[in-house]
Amino acid sequence: MHWVYWVKLYKTKFQAGCLAKRIEEDWWIYGYESPQAVEVFQSRKGRYGVKFLP
């Protein structure tokens, strides 16, 4: 499996962390199974993003 990267990058790690937690907890609402792993990463320019394994 390959990592899937969320489209948007965020200014703070807190914002990306909130999205990561939402991905972990709320996917059942949309009829999807929770991903195997969710991580927050920092880009080269210092912004934060979220990646997950489906």
PDB file of N, CA and C in Angstrom:
ATOM      1  N   MET A   1       0.836  -1.185   0.000  1.00  0.00           N
ATOM      2  CA  MET A   1       0.000   0.000   0.000  1.00  0.00           C
ATOM      3  C   MET A   1       0.878   1.245   0.000  1.00  0.00           C
ATOM      4  N   HIS A   2       0.319   2.306  -0.539  1.00  0.00           N
ATOM      5  CA  HIS A   2       1.039   3.571  -0.616  1.00  0.00           C
ATOM      6  C   HIS A   2       0.316   4.622   0.217  1.00  0.00           C
ATOM      7  N   TRP A   3       1.078   5.588   0.695  1.00  0.00           N
ATOM      8  CA  TRP A   3       0.506   6.690   1.461  1.00  0.00           C
ATOM      9  C   TRP A   3      -0.356   7.548   0.540  1.00  0.00           C
ATOM     10  N   VAL A   4      -1.474   8.012   1.070  1.00  0.00           N
ATOM     11  CA  VAL A   4      -2.336   8.971   0.384  1.00  0.00           C
ATOM     12  C   VAL A   4      -2.175  10.286   1.131  1.00  0.00           C
ATOM     13  N   TYR A   5      -1.854  11.348   0.393  1.00  0.00           N
ATOM     14  CA  TYR A   5      -1.615  12.653   0.999  1.00  0.00           C
ATOM     15  C   TYR A   5      -2.851  13.523   0.863  1.00  0.00           C
ATOM     16  N   TRP A   6      -3.221  14.182   1.962  1.00  0.00           N
ATOM     17  CA  TRP A   6      -4.341  15.119   1.928  1.00  0.00           C
ATOM     18  C   TRP A   6      -3.921  16.317   1.091  1.00  0.00           C
ATOM     19  N   VAL A   7      -4.841  16.919   0.358  1.00  0.00           N
ATOM     20  CA  VAL A   7      -4.522  17.958  -0.611  1.00  0.00           C
ATOM     21  C   VAL A   7      -3.979  19.227   0.036  1.00  0.00           C
ATOM     22  N   LYS A   8      -4.510  19.624   1.154  1.00  0.00           N
ATOM     23  CA  LYS A   8      -4.191  20.915   1.748  1.00  0.00           C
ATOM     24  C   LYS A   8      -3.061  20.816   2.768  1.00  0.00           C
ATOM     25  N   LEU A   9      -2.202  21.843   2.802  1.00  0.00           N
ATOM     26  CA  LEU A   9      -1.184  21.982   3.841  1.00  0.00           C
ATOM     27  C   LEU A   9      -1.632  23.076   4.811  1.00  0.00           C
ATOM     28  N   TYR A  10      -1.273  22.925   6.074  1.00  0.00           N
ATOM     29  CA  TYR A  10      -1.711  23.849   7.123  1.00  0.00           C
ATOM     30  C   TYR A  10      -0.527  24.591   7.717  1.00  0.00           C
ATOM     31  N   LYS A  11      -0.808  25.763   8.294  1.00  0.00           N
ATOM     32  CA  LYS A  11       0.249  26.585   8.879  1.00  0.00           C
ATOM     33  C   LYS A  11       0.752  26.020  10.198  1.00  0.00           C
ATOM     34  N   THR A  12      -0.130  25.384  10.968  1.00  0.00           N
ATOM     35  CA  THR A  12       0.274  24.887  12.289  1.00  0.00           C
ATOM     36  C   THR A  12       0.100  23.374  12.379  1.00  0.00           C
ATOM     37  N   LYS A  13       0.881  22.789  13.237  1.00  0.00           N
ATOM     38  CA  LYS A  13       0.793  21.353  13.482  1.00  0.00           C
ATOM     39  C   LYS A  13      -0.530  21.010  14.150  1.00  0.00           C
ATOM     40  N   PHE A  14      -1.053  21.940  14.947  1.00  0.00           N
ATOM     41  CA  PHE A  14      -2.338  21.733  15.614  1.00  0.00           C
ATOM     42  C   PHE A  14      -3.457  21.535  14.594  1.00  0.00           C
ATOM     43  N   GLN A  15      -3.506  22.371  13.559  1.00  0.00           N
ATOM     44  CA  GLN A  15      -4.536  22.250  12.534  1.00  0.00           C
ATOM     45  C   GLN A  15      -4.455  20.909  11.820  1.00  0.00           C
ATOM     46  N   ALA A  16      -3.256  20.508  11.466  1.00  0.00           N
ATOM     47  CA  ALA A  16      -3.075  19.217  10.797  1.00  0.00           C
ATOM     48  C   ALA A  16      -3.433  18.066  11.738  1.00  0.00           C
ATOM     49  N   GLY A  17      -3.104  18.214  13.008  1.00  0.00           N
ATOM     50  CA  GLY A  17      -3.439  17.185  13.998  1.00  0.00           C
ATOM     51  C   GLY A  17      -4.940  17.019  14.170  1.00  0.00           C
ATOM     52  N   CYS A  18      -5.675  18.131  14.113  1.00  0.00           N
ATOM     53  CA  CYS A  18      -7.138  18.063  14.204  1.00  0.00           C
ATOM     54  C   CYS A  18      -7.711  17.303  13.016  1.00  0.00           C
ATOM     55  N   LEU A  19      -7.185  17.571  11.832  1.00  0.00           N
ATOM     56  CA  LEU A  19      -7.639  16.846  10.647  1.00  0.00           C
ATOM     57  C   LEU A  19      -7.298  15.358  10.755  1.00  0.00           C
ATOM     58  N   ALA A  20      -6.106  15.056  11.225  1.00  0.00           N
ATOM     59  CA  ALA A  20      -5.694  13.654  11.362  1.00  0.00           C
ATOM     60  C   ALA A  20      -6.628  12.916  12.318  1.00  0.00           C
ATOM     61  N   LYS A  21      -6.985  13.544  13.420  1.00  0.00           N
ATOM     62  CA  LYS A  21      -7.880  12.912  14.388  1.00  0.00           C
ATOM     63  C   LYS A  21      -9.259  12.725  13.780  1.00  0.00           C
ATOM     64  N   ARG A  22      -9.705  13.702  12.997  1.00  0.00           N
ATOM     65  CA  ARG A  22     -11.010  13.582  12.351  1.00  0.00           C
ATOM     66  C   ARG A  22     -11.010  12.441  11.336  1.00  0.00           C
ATOM     67  N   ILE A  23      -9.917  12.295  10.597  1.00  0.00           N
ATOM     68  CA  ILE A  23      -9.811  11.191   9.645  1.00  0.00           C
ATOM     69  C   ILE A  23      -9.879   9.855  10.380  1.00  0.00           C
ATOM     70  N   GLU A  24      -9.189   9.754  11.509  1.00  0.00           N
ATOM     71  CA  GLU A  24      -9.191   8.502  12.274  1.00  0.00           C
ATOM     72  C   GLU A  24     -10.570   8.165  12.823  1.00  0.00           C
ATOM     73  N   GLU A  25     -11.294   9.164  13.305  1.00  0.00           N
ATOM     74  CA  GLU A  25     -12.523   8.915  14.049  1.00  0.00           C
ATOM     75  C   GLU A  25     -13.813   9.015  13.235  1.00  0.00           C
ATOM     76  N   ASP A  26     -13.864   9.844  12.199  1.00  0.00           N
ATOM     77  CA  ASP A  26     -15.142  10.173  11.573  1.00  0.00           C
ATOM     78  C   ASP A  26     -15.390   9.556  10.212  1.00  0.00           C
ATOM     79  N   TRP A  27     -14.545   8.688   9.733  1.00  0.00           N
ATOM     80  CA  TRP A  27     -14.762   8.131   8.398  1.00  0.00           C
ATOM     81  C   TRP A  27     -15.980   7.228   8.335  1.00  0.00           C
ATOM     82  N   TRP A  28     -16.377   6.646   9.446  1.00  0.00           N
ATOM     83  CA  TRP A  28     -17.544   5.766   9.448  1.00  0.00           C
ATOM     84  C   TRP A  28     -18.806   6.536   9.089  1.00  0.00           C
ATOM     85  N   ILE A  29     -18.846   7.845   9.357  1.00  0.00           N
ATOM     86  CA  ILE A  29     -20.013   8.666   9.036  1.00  0.00           C
ATOM     87  C   ILE A  29     -20.262   8.659   7.531  1.00  0.00           C
ATOM     88  N   TYR A  30     -19.196   8.647   6.739  1.00  0.00           N
ATOM     89  CA  TYR A  30     -19.298   8.699   5.284  1.00  0.00           C
ATOM     90  C   TYR A  30     -19.335   7.311   4.643  1.00  0.00           C
ATOM     91  N   GLY A  31     -19.364   6.269   5.454  1.00  0.00           N
ATOM     92  CA  GLY A  31     -19.476   4.917   4.935  1.00  0.00           C
ATOM     93  C   GLY A  31     -18.153   4.266   4.577  1.00  0.00           C
ATOM     94  N   TYR A  32     -17.034   4.829   5.040  1.00  0.00           N
ATOM     95  CA  TYR A  32     -15.718   4.262   4.760  1.00  0.00           C
ATOM     96  C   TYR A  32     -15.146   3.627   6.022  1.00  0.00           C
ATOM     97  N   GLU A  33     -14.241   2.690   5.840  1.00  0.00           N
ATOM     98  CA  GLU A  33     -13.524   2.115   6.977  1.00  0.00           C
ATOM     99  C   GLU A  33     -12.392   3.050   7.385  1.00  0.00           C
ATOM    100  N   SER A  34     -12.023   3.001   8.639  1.00  0.00           N
ATOM    101  CA  SER A  34     -10.930   3.848   9.121  1.00  0.00           C
ATOM    102  C   SER A  34      -9.623   3.420   8.473  1.00  0.00           C
ATOM    103  N   PRO A  35      -8.743   4.373   8.186  1.00  0.00           N
ATOM    104  CA  PRO A  35      -7.449   4.017   7.595  1.00  0.00           C
ATOM    105  C   PRO A  35      -6.573   3.260   8.594  1.00  0.00           C
ATOM    106  N   GLN A  36      -5.602   2.516   8.072  1.00  0.00           N
ATOM    107  CA  GLN A  36      -4.706   1.733   8.922  1.00  0.00           C
ATOM    108  C   GLN A  36      -3.813   2.626   9.771  1.00  0.00           C
ATOM    109  N   ALA A  37      -3.297   3.696   9.172  1.00  0.00           N
ATOM    110  CA  ALA A  37      -2.392   4.605   9.877  1.00  0.00           C
ATOM    111  C   ALA A  37      -2.613   6.025   9.368  1.00  0.00           C
ATOM    112  N   VAL A  38      -2.484   6.989  10.278  1.00  0.00           N
ATOM    113  CA  VAL A  38      -2.607   8.402   9.926  1.00  0.00           C
ATOM    114  C   VAL A  38      -1.425   9.121  10.560  1.00  0.00           C
ATOM    115  N   GLU A  39      -0.736   9.963   9.778  1.00  0.00           N
ATOM    116  CA  GLU A  39       0.429  10.688  10.290  1.00  0.00           C
ATOM    117  C   GLU A  39       0.389  12.149   9.863  1.00  0.00           C
ATOM    118  N   VAL A  40       0.949  13.000  10.719  1.00  0.00           N
ATOM    119  CA  VAL A  40       1.162  14.409  10.388  1.00  0.00           C
ATOM    120  C   VAL A  40       2.621  14.543   9.974  1.00  0.00           C
ATOM    121  N   PHE A  41       2.873  15.244   8.870  1.00  0.00           N
ATOM    122  CA  PHE A  41       4.238  15.436   8.408  1.00  0.00           C
ATOM    123  C   PHE A  41       4.493  16.919   8.171  1.00  0.00           C
ATOM    124  N   GLN A  42       5.771  17.297   8.119  1.00  0.00           N
ATOM    125  CA  GLN A  42       6.149  18.678   7.854  1.00  0.00           C
ATOM    126  C   GLN A  42       6.803  18.756   6.482  1.00  0.00           C
ATOM    127  N   SER A  43       6.344  19.705   5.672  1.00  0.00           N
ATOM    128  CA  SER A  43       6.910  19.880   4.332  1.00  0.00           C
ATOM    129  C   SER A  43       8.242  20.617   4.416  1.00  0.00           C
ATOM    130  N   ARG A  44       8.926  20.703   3.297  1.00  0.00           N
ATOM    131  CA  ARG A  44      10.217  21.388   3.266  1.00  0.00           C
ATOM    132  C   ARG A  44      10.085  22.867   3.595  1.00  0.00           C
ATOM    133  N   LYS A  45       8.933  23.453   3.275  1.00  0.00           N
ATOM    134  CA  LYS A  45       8.720  24.882   3.524  1.00  0.00           C
ATOM    135  C   LYS A  45       8.180  25.158   4.928  1.00  0.00           C
ATOM    136  N   GLY A  46       8.034  24.132   5.749  1.00  0.00           N
ATOM    137  CA  GLY A  46       7.622  24.321   7.128  1.00  0.00           C
ATOM    138  C   GLY A  46       6.136  24.203   7.393  1.00  0.00           C
ATOM    139  N   ARG A  47       5.355  23.900   6.382  1.00  0.00           N
ATOM    140  CA  ARG A  47       3.925  23.722   6.595  1.00  0.00           C
ATOM    141  C   ARG A  47       3.654  22.264   6.935  1.00  0.00           C
ATOM    142  N   TYR A  48       2.455  21.975   7.440  1.00  0.00           N
ATOM    143  CA  TYR A  48       2.123  20.637   7.918  1.00  0.00           C
ATOM    144  C   TYR A  48       1.017  20.025   7.069  1.00  0.00           C
ATOM    145  N   GLY A  49       1.111  18.725   6.875  1.00  0.00           N
ATOM    146  CA  GLY A  49       0.125  17.992   6.107  1.00  0.00           C
ATOM    147  C   GLY A  49      -0.215  16.688   6.781  1.00  0.00           C
ATOM    148  N   VAL A  50      -1.162  15.984   6.203  1.00  0.00           N
ATOM    149  CA  VAL A  50      -1.636  14.705   6.743  1.00  0.00           C
ATOM    150  C   VAL A  50      -1.537  13.653   5.644  1.00  0.00           C
ATOM    151  N   LYS A  51      -1.056  12.486   6.017  1.00  0.00           N
ATOM    152  CA  LYS A  51      -1.017  11.355   5.097  1.00  0.00           C
ATOM    153  C   LYS A  51      -1.600  10.147   5.817  1.00  0.00           C
ATOM    154  N   PHE A  52      -2.188   9.233   5.025  1.00  0.00           N
ATOM    155  CA  PHE A  52      -2.798   8.053   5.627  1.00  0.00           C
ATOM    156  C   PHE A  52      -2.677   6.852   4.704  1.00  0.00           C
ATOM    157  N   LEU A  53      -2.757   5.681   5.329  1.00  0.00           N
ATOM    158  CA  LEU A  53      -2.778   4.414   4.594  1.00  0.00           C
ATOM    159  C   LEU A  53      -4.208   3.906   4.579  1.00  0.00           C
ATOM    160  N   PRO A  54      -4.803   3.747   3.393  1.00  0.00           N
ATOM    161  CA  PRO A  54      -6.202   3.274   3.334  1.00  0.00           C
ATOM    162  C   PRO A  54      -6.358   1.837   3.793  1.00  0.00           C
TER     163      PRO A  54
END
